[in-house]
């Protein structure tokens, strides 16, 4: 009988001591997928090659969307779209997006491969076939 009187008090104490609010979450430089990208099929030695790309995320907890093109060697490049995430609960229903044009100048002929990271483990590749520069006329 005594237990039946104490049981409701115990249940009420346990339930009111639980923190049901979502916790604070923060991530920096998270790889996000590209929405679009444009890579020319051909290029010339010594002439800049422009790569256009865009990326977006579906809520307002994402911010600072930016792009990084890294030259791995003289014919291998990697490009990532990165963003930061910060939340203390509900995220605003807005699309956060950015676009860019990055440039590299090939110094050798041949296939120049650009690897676009869509996630930390999934990549897609595009190739720019670079030929000799045309002589001045």
Protein backbone atom coordinates (compact mmCIF):
# COMPACT_ATOMS: atom_id res chain seq x y z
CA UNK A 1 0.00 0.00 0.00
CA UNK A 2 2.82 2.33 0.88
CA UNK A 3 4.43 1.55 -2.50
CA UNK A 4 1.25 2.60 -4.34
CA UNK A 5 1.42 6.03 -2.67
CA UNK A 6 5.10 6.52 -3.55
CA UNK A 7 4.86 5.19 -7.14
CA UNK A 8 3.04 8.24 -8.60
CA UNK A 9 5.59 10.56 -6.99
CA UNK A 10 8.47 8.53 -8.46
CA UNK A 11 6.90 8.52 -11.94
CA UNK A 12 6.27 12.27 -11.80
CA UNK A 13 9.84 12.94 -10.63
CA UNK A 14 11.34 10.84 -13.43
CA UNK A 15 9.20 12.44 -16.14
CA UNK A 16 9.85 16.03 -15.04
CA UNK A 17 13.60 15.44 -14.79
CA UNK A 18 13.91 14.37 -18.44
CA UNK A 19 15.21 17.03 -20.78
CA UNK A 20 13.04 16.62 -23.88
CA UNK A 21 14.48 19.64 -25.71
CA UNK A 22 16.70 18.77 -28.68
CA UNK A 23 20.39 19.30 -28.09
CA UNK A 24 22.67 21.75 -29.80
CA UNK A 25 24.33 20.32 -32.93
CA UNK A 26 27.15 21.90 -34.92
CA UNK A 27 29.25 20.60 -37.83
CA UNK A 28 31.85 22.40 -39.94
CA UNK A 29 32.93 21.73 -43.52
CA UNK A 30 30.45 18.97 -44.29
CA UNK A 31 30.67 17.63 -47.86
CA UNK A 32 27.37 18.34 -49.63
CA UNK A 33 26.31 17.19 -53.12
CA UNK A 34 26.58 19.37 -56.19
CA UNK A 35 23.28 20.37 -57.82
CA UNK A 36 24.85 21.30 -61.15
CA UNK A 37 28.28 21.54 -62.67
CA UNK A 38 29.60 22.57 -66.04
CA UNK A 39 32.98 21.38 -67.29
CA UNK A 40 34.20 22.12 -70.83
CA UNK A 41 35.03 19.09 -72.97
CA UNK A 42 38.26 20.57 -74.32
CA UNK A 43 40.93 23.09 -73.37
CA UNK A 44 44.34 24.37 -74.42
CA UNK A 45 47.68 24.45 -72.63
CA UNK A 46 48.19 27.84 -70.97
CA UNK A 47 44.54 28.88 -71.36
CA UNK A 48 42.34 29.05 -68.22
CA UNK A 49 39.60 26.42 -67.94
CA UNK A 50 36.45 27.56 -66.12
CA UNK A 51 34.36 25.12 -64.08
CA UNK A 52 30.94 26.31 -62.92
CA UNK A 53 29.17 24.57 -60.04
CA UNK A 54 26.27 25.03 -57.64
CA UNK A 55 25.12 23.31 -54.46
CA UNK A 56 22.22 23.71 -52.04
CA UNK A 57 20.78 22.30 -48.85
CA UNK A 58 17.12 22.11 -47.91
CA UNK A 59 16.94 23.99 -44.61
CA UNK A 60 18.19 27.11 -42.88
CA UNK A 61 20.41 25.31 -40.39
CA UNK A 62 22.96 25.05 -43.21
CA UNK A 63 25.16 28.07 -43.94
CA UNK A 64 28.53 29.08 -45.38
CA UNK A 65 28.23 26.99 -48.56
CA UNK A 66 31.60 27.20 -50.34
CA UNK A 67 33.67 25.32 -52.89
CA UNK A 68 37.26 24.08 -52.95
CA UNK A 69 39.22 22.96 -56.04
CA UNK A 70 42.43 21.09 -55.18
CA UNK A 71 45.11 20.16 -57.71
CA UNK A 72 46.31 16.63 -56.90
CA UNK A 73 48.89 16.62 -59.69
CA UNK A 74 49.20 18.42 -63.01
CA UNK A 75 46.25 16.50 -64.54
CA UNK A 76 44.18 15.42 -61.51
CA UNK A 77 41.85 17.75 -59.61
CA UNK A 78 39.30 17.30 -56.85
CA UNK A 79 36.39 19.60 -56.12
CA UNK A 80 34.12 19.63 -53.08
CA UNK A 81 31.15 21.68 -51.99
CA UNK A 82 31.26 22.28 -48.25
CA UNK A 83 28.81 23.76 -45.76
CA UNK A 84 28.44 24.30 -42.03
CA UNK A 85 25.45 23.10 -39.98
CA UNK A 86 24.18 24.47 -36.70
CA UNK A 87 20.92 23.64 -34.93
CA UNK A 88 19.28 23.92 -31.54
CA UNK A 89 16.07 22.28 -32.66
CA UNK A 90 13.85 23.23 -35.56
CA UNK A 91 15.49 24.41 -38.79
CA UNK A 92 13.86 27.14 -40.91
CA UNK A 93 12.26 25.87 -44.14
CA UNK A 94 14.49 27.77 -46.58
CA UNK A 95 16.90 26.60 -49.25
CA UNK A 96 20.51 27.64 -48.68
CA UNK A 97 22.53 27.68 -51.90
CA UNK A 98 25.66 29.01 -53.57
CA UNK A 99 27.36 28.84 -56.93
CA UNK A 100 30.87 29.45 -58.15
CA UNK A 101 33.20 29.53 -61.10
CA UNK A 102 36.66 28.13 -60.41
CA UNK A 103 39.56 28.20 -62.83
CA UNK A 104 42.67 26.17 -63.47
CA UNK A 105 45.27 26.63 -66.20
CA UNK A 106 46.57 23.34 -67.68
CA UNK A 107 50.30 23.13 -68.29
CA UNK A 108 50.34 19.76 -70.08
CA UNK A 109 48.34 18.15 -72.84
CA UNK A 110 46.19 15.09 -72.19
CA UNK A 111 43.14 14.18 -70.16
CA UNK A 112 42.63 16.37 -67.11
CA UNK A 113 40.28 14.58 -64.69
CA UNK A 114 38.16 16.55 -62.22
CA UNK A 115 36.68 14.47 -59.39
CA UNK A 116 33.53 15.97 -57.85
CA UNK A 117 32.82 14.63 -54.35
CA UNK A 118 29.06 14.19 -53.92
CA UNK A 119 29.49 12.80 -50.37
CA UNK A 120 32.52 11.69 -48.35
CA UNK A 121 32.39 8.31 -50.13
CA UNK A 122 30.78 8.97 -53.54
CA UNK A 123 32.53 10.78 -56.37
CA UNK A 124 31.74 11.59 -60.01
CA UNK A 125 34.36 12.43 -62.63
CA UNK A 126 34.51 14.72 -65.63
CA UNK A 127 37.38 14.98 -68.13
CA UNK A 128 38.79 17.96 -70.02
CA UNK A 129 40.85 16.95 -73.06
CA UNK A 130 43.69 19.49 -73.29
CA UNK A 131 45.57 20.07 -76.52
CA UNK A 132 48.46 22.28 -77.57
CA UNK A 133 47.89 26.02 -77.70
CA UNK A 134 47.12 27.32 -81.17
CA UNK A 135 49.89 29.43 -82.70
CA UNK A 136 49.29 33.18 -82.96
CA UNK A 137 48.34 34.30 -86.44
